[in-house]
Amino acid sequence: EIYARQGRYDDALAEFERSLAQRERAGKEVGVR
């Protein structure tokens, strides 16, 4: 979110994708969404 607010979209995407992977591994469906 910080990166996105700064307009650093590629960095933001990398962090969001890491978050997605973590939440998928943990089986946290709300977090995945």
All heavy atoms as atom14 arrays in JSON, in Angstrom:
{
  "sequence": "EIYARQGRYDDALAEFERSLAQRERAGKEVGVR",
  "atom14_mask": [
    [1, 1, 1, 1, 1, 1, 1, 1, 1, 0, 0, 0, 0, 0],
    [1, 1, 1, 1, 1, 1, 1, 1, 0, 0, 0, 0, 0, 0],
    [1, 1, 1, 1, 1, 1, 1, 1, 1, 1, 1, 1, 0, 0],
    [1, 1, 1, 1, 1, 0, 0, 0, 0, 0, 0, 0, 0, 0],
    [1, 1, 1, 1, 1, 1, 1, 1, 1, 1, 1, 0, 0, 0],
    [1, 1, 1, 1, 1, 1, 1, 1, 1, 0, 0, 0, 0, 0],
    [1, 1, 1, 1, 0, 0, 0, 0, 0, 0, 0, 0, 0, 0],
    [1, 1, 1, 1, 1, 1, 1, 1, 1, 1, 1, 0, 0, 0],
    [1, 1, 1, 1, 1, 1, 1, 1, 1, 1, 1, 1, 0, 0],
    [1, 1, 1, 1, 1, 1, 1, 1, 0, 0, 0, 0, 0, 0],
    [1, 1, 1, 1, 1, 1, 1, 1, 0, 0, 0, 0, 0, 0],
    [1, 1, 1, 1, 1, 0, 0, 0, 0, 0, 0, 0, 0, 0],
    [1, 1, 1, 1, 1, 1, 1, 1, 0, 0, 0, 0, 0, 0],
    [1, 1, 1, 1, 1, 0, 0, 0, 0, 0, 0, 0, 0, 0],
    [1, 1, 1, 1, 1, 1, 1, 1, 1, 0, 0, 0, 0, 0],
    [1, 1, 1, 1, 1, 1, 1, 1, 1, 1, 1, 0, 0, 0],
    [1, 1, 1, 1, 1, 1, 1, 1, 1, 0, 0, 0, 0, 0],
    [1, 1, 1, 1, 1, 1, 1, 1, 1, 1, 1, 0, 0, 0],
    [1, 1, 1, 1, 1, 1, 0, 0, 0, 0, 0, 0, 0, 0],
    [1, 1, 1, 1, 1, 1, 1, 1, 0, 0, 0, 0, 0, 0],
    [1, 1, 1, 1, 1, 0, 0, 0, 0, 0, 0, 0, 0, 0],
    [1, 1, 1, 1, 1, 1, 1, 1, 1, 0, 0, 0, 0, 0],
    [1, 1, 1, 1, 1, 1, 1, 1, 1, 1, 1, 0, 0, 0],
    [1, 1, 1, 1, 1, 1, 1, 1, 1, 0, 0, 0, 0, 0],
    [1, 1, 1, 1, 1, 1, 1, 1, 1, 1, 1, 0, 0, 0],
    [1, 1, 1, 1, 1, 0, 0, 0, 0, 0, 0, 0, 0, 0],
    [1, 1, 1, 1, 0, 0, 0, 0, 0, 0, 0, 0, 0, 0],
    [1, 1, 1, 1, 1, 1, 1, 1, 1, 0, 0, 0, 0, 0],
    [1, 1, 1, 1, 1, 1, 1, 1, 1, 0, 0, 0, 0, 0],
    [1, 1, 1, 1, 1, 1, 1, 0, 0, 0, 0, 0, 0, 0],
    [1, 1, 1, 1, 0, 0, 0, 0, 0, 0, 0, 0, 0, 0],
    [1, 1, 1, 1, 1, 1, 1, 0, 0, 0, 0, 0, 0, 0],
    [1, 1, 1, 1, 1, 1, 1, 1, 1, 1, 1, 0, 0, 0]
  ],
  "atom14_positions": [
    [[0.83, -1.21, 0.0], [0.0, 0.0, 0.0], [0.86, 1.26, 0.0], [0.56, 2.23, -0.69], [-0.93, 0.01, 1.21], [-2.07, -0.98, 1.09], [-2.99, -0.93, 2.29], [-3.37, 0.18, 2.71], [-3.31, -1.99, 2.83], [0.0, 0.0, 0.0], [0.0, 0.0, 0.0], [0.0, 0.0, 0.0], [0.0, 0.0, 0.0], [0.0, 0.0, 0.0]],
    [[1.93, 1.24, 0.77], [2.84, 2.39, 0.8], [3.44, 2.62, -0.57], [3.45, 3.74, -1.09], [3.93, 2.19, 1.87], [3.32, 2.24, 3.27], [5.05, 3.23, 1.72], [4.24, 1.75, 4.38], [0.0, 0.0, 0.0], [0.0, 0.0, 0.0], [0.0, 0.0, 0.0], [0.0, 0.0, 0.0], [0.0, 0.0, 0.0], [0.0, 0.0, 0.0]],
    [[3.93, 1.54, -1.19], [4.5, 1.66, -2.52], [3.47, 2.17, -3.52], [3.77, 3.02, -4.36], [5.05, 0.32, -3.0], [6.35, -0.11, -2.36], [6.64, -1.46, -2.2], [7.3, 0.81, -1.93], [7.83, -1.88, -1.64], [8.49, 0.4, -1.36], [8.75, -0.94, -1.21], [9.93, -1.34, -0.66], [0.0, 0.0, 0.0], [0.0, 0.0, 0.0]],
    [[2.27, 1.65, -3.46], [1.22, 2.07, -4.4], [0.92, 3.56, -4.25], [0.78, 4.27, -5.25], [-0.04, 1.24, -4.19], [0.0, 0.0, 0.0], [0.0, 0.0, 0.0], [0.0, 0.0, 0.0], [0.0, 0.0, 0.0], [0.0, 0.0, 0.0], [0.0, 0.0, 0.0], [0.0, 0.0, 0.0], [0.0, 0.0, 0.0], [0.0, 0.0, 0.0]],
    [[0.84, 4.04, -3.02], [0.59, 5.47, -2.79], [1.72, 6.33, -3.34], [1.5, 7.48, -3.73], [0.39, 5.76, -1.31], [-1.02, 5.45, -0.85], [-1.26, 5.92, 0.57], [-1.55, 4.72, 1.35], [-0.94, 4.38, 2.47], [-0.01, 5.13, 2.99], [-1.26, 3.28, 3.09], [0.0, 0.0, 0.0], [0.0, 0.0, 0.0], [0.0, 0.0, 0.0]],
    [[2.93, 5.78, -3.37], [4.08, 6.5, -3.9], [4.18, 6.38, -5.42], [5.09, 6.95, -6.03], [5.38, 5.96, -3.28], [5.49, 6.22, -1.8], [6.69, 5.53, -1.18], [7.26, 4.59, -1.74], [7.08, 5.98, 0.0], [0.0, 0.0, 0.0], [0.0, 0.0, 0.0], [0.0, 0.0, 0.0], [0.0, 0.0, 0.0], [0.0, 0.0, 0.0]],
    [[3.27, 5.62, -6.01], [3.32, 5.41, -7.45], [4.33, 4.36, -7.88], [4.61, 4.21, -9.06], [0.0, 0.0, 0.0], [0.0, 0.0, 0.0], [0.0, 0.0, 0.0], [0.0, 0.0, 0.0], [0.0, 0.0, 0.0], [0.0, 0.0, 0.0], [0.0, 0.0, 0.0], [0.0, 0.0, 0.0], [0.0, 0.0, 0.0], [0.0, 0.0, 0.0]],
    [[4.84, 3.6, -6.93], [5.82, 2.54, -7.22], [5.06, 1.23, -7.43], [5.1, 0.31, -6.64], [6.81, 2.42, -6.05], [7.65, 3.67, -5.87], [8.48, 3.64, -4.62], [9.37, 2.47, -4.58], [10.14, 2.18, -3.54], [10.15, 2.96, -2.46], [10.91, 1.11, -3.56], [0.0, 0.0, 0.0], [0.0, 0.0, 0.0], [0.0, 0.0, 0.0]],
    [[4.34, 1.17, -8.54], [3.41, 0.08, -8.78], [4.06, -1.29, -8.94], [3.51, -2.28, -8.47], [2.52, 0.4, -9.99], [1.71, 1.66, -9.79], [1.81, 2.72, -10.68], [0.88, 1.79, -8.69], [1.08, 3.88, -10.49], [0.15, 2.94, -8.49], [0.26, 3.99, -9.39], [-0.46, 5.14, -9.19], [0.0, 0.0, 0.0], [0.0, 0.0, 0.0]],
    [[5.22, -1.35, -9.56], [5.89, -2.65, -9.7], [6.31, -3.19, -8.34], [6.16, -4.38, -8.06], [7.09, -2.54, -10.64], [6.67, -2.3, -12.08], [5.58, -2.75, -12.47], [7.45, -1.65, -12.81], [0.0, 0.0, 0.0], [0.0, 0.0, 0.0], [0.0, 0.0, 0.0], [0.0, 0.0, 0.0], [0.0, 0.0, 0.0], [0.0, 0.0, 0.0]],
    [[6.82, -2.31, -7.48], [7.19, -2.73, -6.12], [5.95, -3.15, -5.34], [5.97, -4.13, -4.59], [7.92, -1.61, -5.38], [9.27, -1.28, -5.98], [9.93, -2.2, -6.52], [9.68, -0.11, -5.92], [0.0, 0.0, 0.0], [0.0, 0.0, 0.0], [0.0, 0.0, 0.0], [0.0, 0.0, 0.0], [0.0, 0.0, 0.0], [0.0, 0.0, 0.0]],
    [[4.87, -2.39, -5.51], [3.62, -2.72, -4.82], [3.12, -4.09, -5.26], [2.73, -4.91, -4.42], [2.57, -1.65, -5.11], [0.0, 0.0, 0.0], [0.0, 0.0, 0.0], [0.0, 0.0, 0.0], [0.0, 0.0, 0.0], [0.0, 0.0, 0.0], [0.0, 0.0, 0.0], [0.0, 0.0, 0.0], [0.0, 0.0, 0.0], [0.0, 0.0, 0.0]],
    [[3.15, -4.35, -6.56], [2.69, -5.65, -7.07], [3.5, -6.79, -6.47], [2.94, -7.82, -6.09], [2.78, -5.7, -8.59], [1.66, -5.04, -9.35], [1.95, -5.03, -10.84], [0.33, -5.71, -9.08], [0.0, 0.0, 0.0], [0.0, 0.0, 0.0], [0.0, 0.0, 0.0], [0.0, 0.0, 0.0], [0.0, 0.0, 0.0], [0.0, 0.0, 0.0]],
    [[4.8, -6.61, -6.37], [5.66, -7.65, -5.81], [5.24, -7.96, -4.37], [5.15, -9.13, -3.97], [7.12, -7.24, -5.87], [0.0, 0.0, 0.0], [0.0, 0.0, 0.0], [0.0, 0.0, 0.0], [0.0, 0.0, 0.0], [0.0, 0.0, 0.0], [0.0, 0.0, 0.0], [0.0, 0.0, 0.0], [0.0, 0.0, 0.0], [0.0, 0.0, 0.0]],
    [[4.98, -6.92, -3.59], [4.57, -7.13, -2.19], [3.18, -7.78, -2.11], [2.96, -8.69, -1.31], [4.57, -5.8, -1.43], [5.95, -5.23, -1.21], [6.86, -6.11, -0.39], [6.39, -6.82, 0.53], [8.08, -6.08, -0.65], [0.0, 0.0, 0.0], [0.0, 0.0, 0.0], [0.0, 0.0, 0.0], [0.0, 0.0, 0.0], [0.0, 0.0, 0.0]],
    [[2.25, -7.33, -2.95], [0.91, -7.91, -2.94], [0.95, -9.39, -3.36], [0.22, -10.21, -2.81], [-0.04, -7.12, -3.84], [-0.3, -5.72, -3.36], [-0.48, -4.69, -4.26], [-0.4, -5.43, -2.0], [-0.74, -3.4, -3.83], [-0.66, -4.14, -1.56], [-0.83, -3.12, -2.48], [0.0, 0.0, 0.0], [0.0, 0.0, 0.0], [0.0, 0.0, 0.0]],
    [[1.81, -9.71, -4.32], [1.93, -11.1, -4.75], [2.54, -11.97, -3.65], [2.15, -13.12, -3.47], [2.73, -11.17, -6.05], [1.92, -10.65, -7.22], [2.73, -10.39, -8.48], [3.97, -10.51, -8.45], [2.09, -10.06, -9.5], [0.0, 0.0, 0.0], [0.0, 0.0, 0.0], [0.0, 0.0, 0.0], [0.0, 0.0, 0.0], [0.0, 0.0, 0.0]],
    [[3.48, -11.42, -2.89], [4.03, -12.16, -1.74], [2.93, -12.41, -0.71], [2.83, -13.5, -0.14], [5.17, -11.38, -1.1], [6.45, -11.43, -1.89], [7.59, -10.71, -1.15], [8.73, -10.56, -2.0], [9.08, -9.43, -2.63], [8.37, -8.33, -2.47], [10.13, -9.4, -3.4], [0.0, 0.0, 0.0], [0.0, 0.0, 0.0], [0.0, 0.0, 0.0]],
    [[2.13, -11.39, -0.47], [1.03, -11.52, 0.48], [0.04, -12.58, 0.0], [-0.41, -13.41, 0.8], [0.32, -10.18, 0.64], [-0.78, -10.31, 1.49], [0.0, 0.0, 0.0], [0.0, 0.0, 0.0], [0.0, 0.0, 0.0], [0.0, 0.0, 0.0], [0.0, 0.0, 0.0], [0.0, 0.0, 0.0], [0.0, 0.0, 0.0], [0.0, 0.0, 0.0]],
    [[-0.28, -12.55, -1.28], [-1.21, -13.54, -1.84], [-0.67, -14.95, -1.63], [-1.4, -15.84, -1.17], [-1.44, -13.27, -3.32], [-2.31, -14.27, -4.07], [-3.7, -14.34, -3.48], [-2.36, -13.92, -5.55], [0.0, 0.0, 0.0], [0.0, 0.0, 0.0], [0.0, 0.0, 0.0], [0.0, 0.0, 0.0], [0.0, 0.0, 0.0], [0.0, 0.0, 0.0]],
    [[0.6, -15.16, -1.93], [1.2, -16.49, -1.76], [1.14, -16.95, -0.31], [0.8, -18.1, -0.03], [2.64, -16.47, -2.27], [0.0, 0.0, 0.0], [0.0, 0.0, 0.0], [0.0, 0.0, 0.0], [0.0, 0.0, 0.0], [0.0, 0.0, 0.0], [0.0, 0.0, 0.0], [0.0, 0.0, 0.0], [0.0, 0.0, 0.0], [0.0, 0.0, 0.0]],
    [[1.44, -16.05, 0.62], [1.39, -16.4, 2.04], [-0.01, -16.8, 2.46], [-0.21, -17.78, 3.16], [1.8, -15.2, 2.91], [3.26, -15.0, 3.07], [3.54, -13.82, 4.0], [2.72, -12.91, 4.16], [4.71, -13.84, 4.6], [0.0, 0.0, 0.0], [0.0, 0.0, 0.0], [0.0, 0.0, 0.0], [0.0, 0.0, 0.0], [0.0, 0.0, 0.0]],
    [[-0.97, -16.02, 2.03], [-2.36, -16.27, 2.44], [-2.91, -17.54, 1.8], [-3.7, -18.24, 2.41], [-3.21, -15.04, 2.12], [-2.85, -13.89, 3.04], [-3.2, -12.54, 2.47], [-2.59, -11.49, 3.25], [-3.24, -10.76, 4.17], [-4.51, -10.99, 4.41], [-2.61, -9.82, 4.83], [0.0, 0.0, 0.0], [0.0, 0.0, 0.0], [0.0, 0.0, 0.0]],
    [[-2.47, -17.82, 0.56], [-2.89, -19.07, -0.07], [-2.31, -20.26, 0.68], [-3.02, -21.24, 0.93], [-2.44, -19.1, -1.54], [-3.27, -18.21, -2.43], [-2.76, -18.14, -3.86], [-1.56, -18.38, -4.1], [-3.58, -17.82, -4.74], [0.0, 0.0, 0.0], [0.0, 0.0, 0.0], [0.0, 0.0, 0.0], [0.0, 0.0, 0.0], [0.0, 0.0, 0.0]],
    [[-1.03, -20.18, 1.05], [-0.42, -21.29, 1.81], [-1.1, -21.5, 3.15], [-1.25, -22.62, 3.61], [1.08, -21.0, 2.04], [1.95, -21.27, 0.85], [3.43, -21.25, 1.21], [3.87, -20.01, 1.81], [4.29, -18.93, 1.15], [4.31, -18.94, -0.18], [4.68, -17.85, 1.79], [0.0, 0.0, 0.0], [0.0, 0.0, 0.0], [0.0, 0.0, 0.0]],
    [[-1.54, -20.41, 3.77], [-2.18, -20.49, 5.08], [-3.66, -20.87, 4.98], [-4.29, -21.14, 6.0], [-2.04, -19.16, 5.81], [0.0, 0.0, 0.0], [0.0, 0.0, 0.0], [0.0, 0.0, 0.0], [0.0, 0.0, 0.0], [0.0, 0.0, 0.0], [0.0, 0.0, 0.0], [0.0, 0.0, 0.0], [0.0, 0.0, 0.0], [0.0, 0.0, 0.0]],
    [[-4.2, -20.88, 3.76], [-5.61, -21.23, 3.58], [-6.55, -20.15, 4.08], [-7.69, -20.44, 4.45], [0.0, 0.0, 0.0], [0.0, 0.0, 0.0], [0.0, 0.0, 0.0], [0.0, 0.0, 0.0], [0.0, 0.0, 0.0], [0.0, 0.0, 0.0], [0.0, 0.0, 0.0], [0.0, 0.0, 0.0], [0.0, 0.0, 0.0], [0.0, 0.0, 0.0]],
    [[-6.11, -18.9, 4.06], [-6.94, -17.79, 4.55], [-7.69, -17.17, 3.37], [-7.21, -16.26, 2.7], [-6.07, -16.75, 5.24], [-5.41, -17.3, 6.48], [-4.65, -16.25, 7.23], [-4.09, -16.87, 8.5], [-3.45, -15.88, 9.34], [0.0, 0.0, 0.0], [0.0, 0.0, 0.0], [0.0, 0.0, 0.0], [0.0, 0.0, 0.0], [0.0, 0.0, 0.0]],
    [[-8.9, -17.66, 3.13], [-9.67, -17.28, 1.96], [-9.99, -15.79, 1.92], [-9.89, -15.17, 0.86], [-10.96, -18.1, 1.88], [-11.7, -17.95, 0.57], [-10.86, -18.3, -0.65], [-10.09, -19.27, -0.59], [-10.98, -17.6, -1.67], [0.0, 0.0, 0.0], [0.0, 0.0, 0.0], [0.0, 0.0, 0.0], [0.0, 0.0, 0.0], [0.0, 0.0, 0.0]],
    [[-10.36, -15.2, 3.04], [-10.65, -13.77, 3.05], [-9.39, -12.99, 2.71], [-9.42, -12.05, 1.91], [-11.23, -13.33, 4.42], [-11.34, -11.81, 4.5], [-12.58, -13.97, 4.65], [0.0, 0.0, 0.0], [0.0, 0.0, 0.0], [0.0, 0.0, 0.0], [0.0, 0.0, 0.0], [0.0, 0.0, 0.0], [0.0, 0.0, 0.0], [0.0, 0.0, 0.0]],
    [[-8.27, -13.38, 3.28], [-7.0, -12.73, 2.98], [-6.61, -12.87, 1.53], [-6.04, -11.95, 0.93], [0.0, 0.0, 0.0], [0.0, 0.0, 0.0], [0.0, 0.0, 0.0], [0.0, 0.0, 0.0], [0.0, 0.0, 0.0], [0.0, 0.0, 0.0], [0.0, 0.0, 0.0], [0.0, 0.0, 0.0], [0.0, 0.0, 0.0], [0.0, 0.0, 0.0]],
    [[-6.9, -14.02, 0.95], [-6.62, -14.25, -0.48], [-7.42, -13.26, -1.32], [-6.89, -12.63, -2.23], [-6.93, -15.71, -0.89], [-6.95, -15.87, -2.4], [-5.91, -16.66, -0.27], [0.0, 0.0, 0.0], [0.0, 0.0, 0.0], [0.0, 0.0, 0.0], [0.0, 0.0, 0.0], [0.0, 0.0, 0.0], [0.0, 0.0, 0.0], [0.0, 0.0, 0.0]],
    [[-8.7, -13.1, -1.0], [-9.55, -12.16, -1.75], [-9.04, -10.72, -1.62], [-9.03, -9.96, -2.58], [-11.0, -12.26, -1.3], [-11.69, -13.5, -1.85], [-13.19, -13.42, -1.7], [-13.61, -13.2, -0.33], [-13.99, -14.17, 0.5], [-14.02, -15.41, 0.1], [-14.36, -13.89, 1.73], [0.0, 0.0, 0.0], [0.0, 0.0, 0.0], [0.0, 0.0, 0.0]]
  ]
}
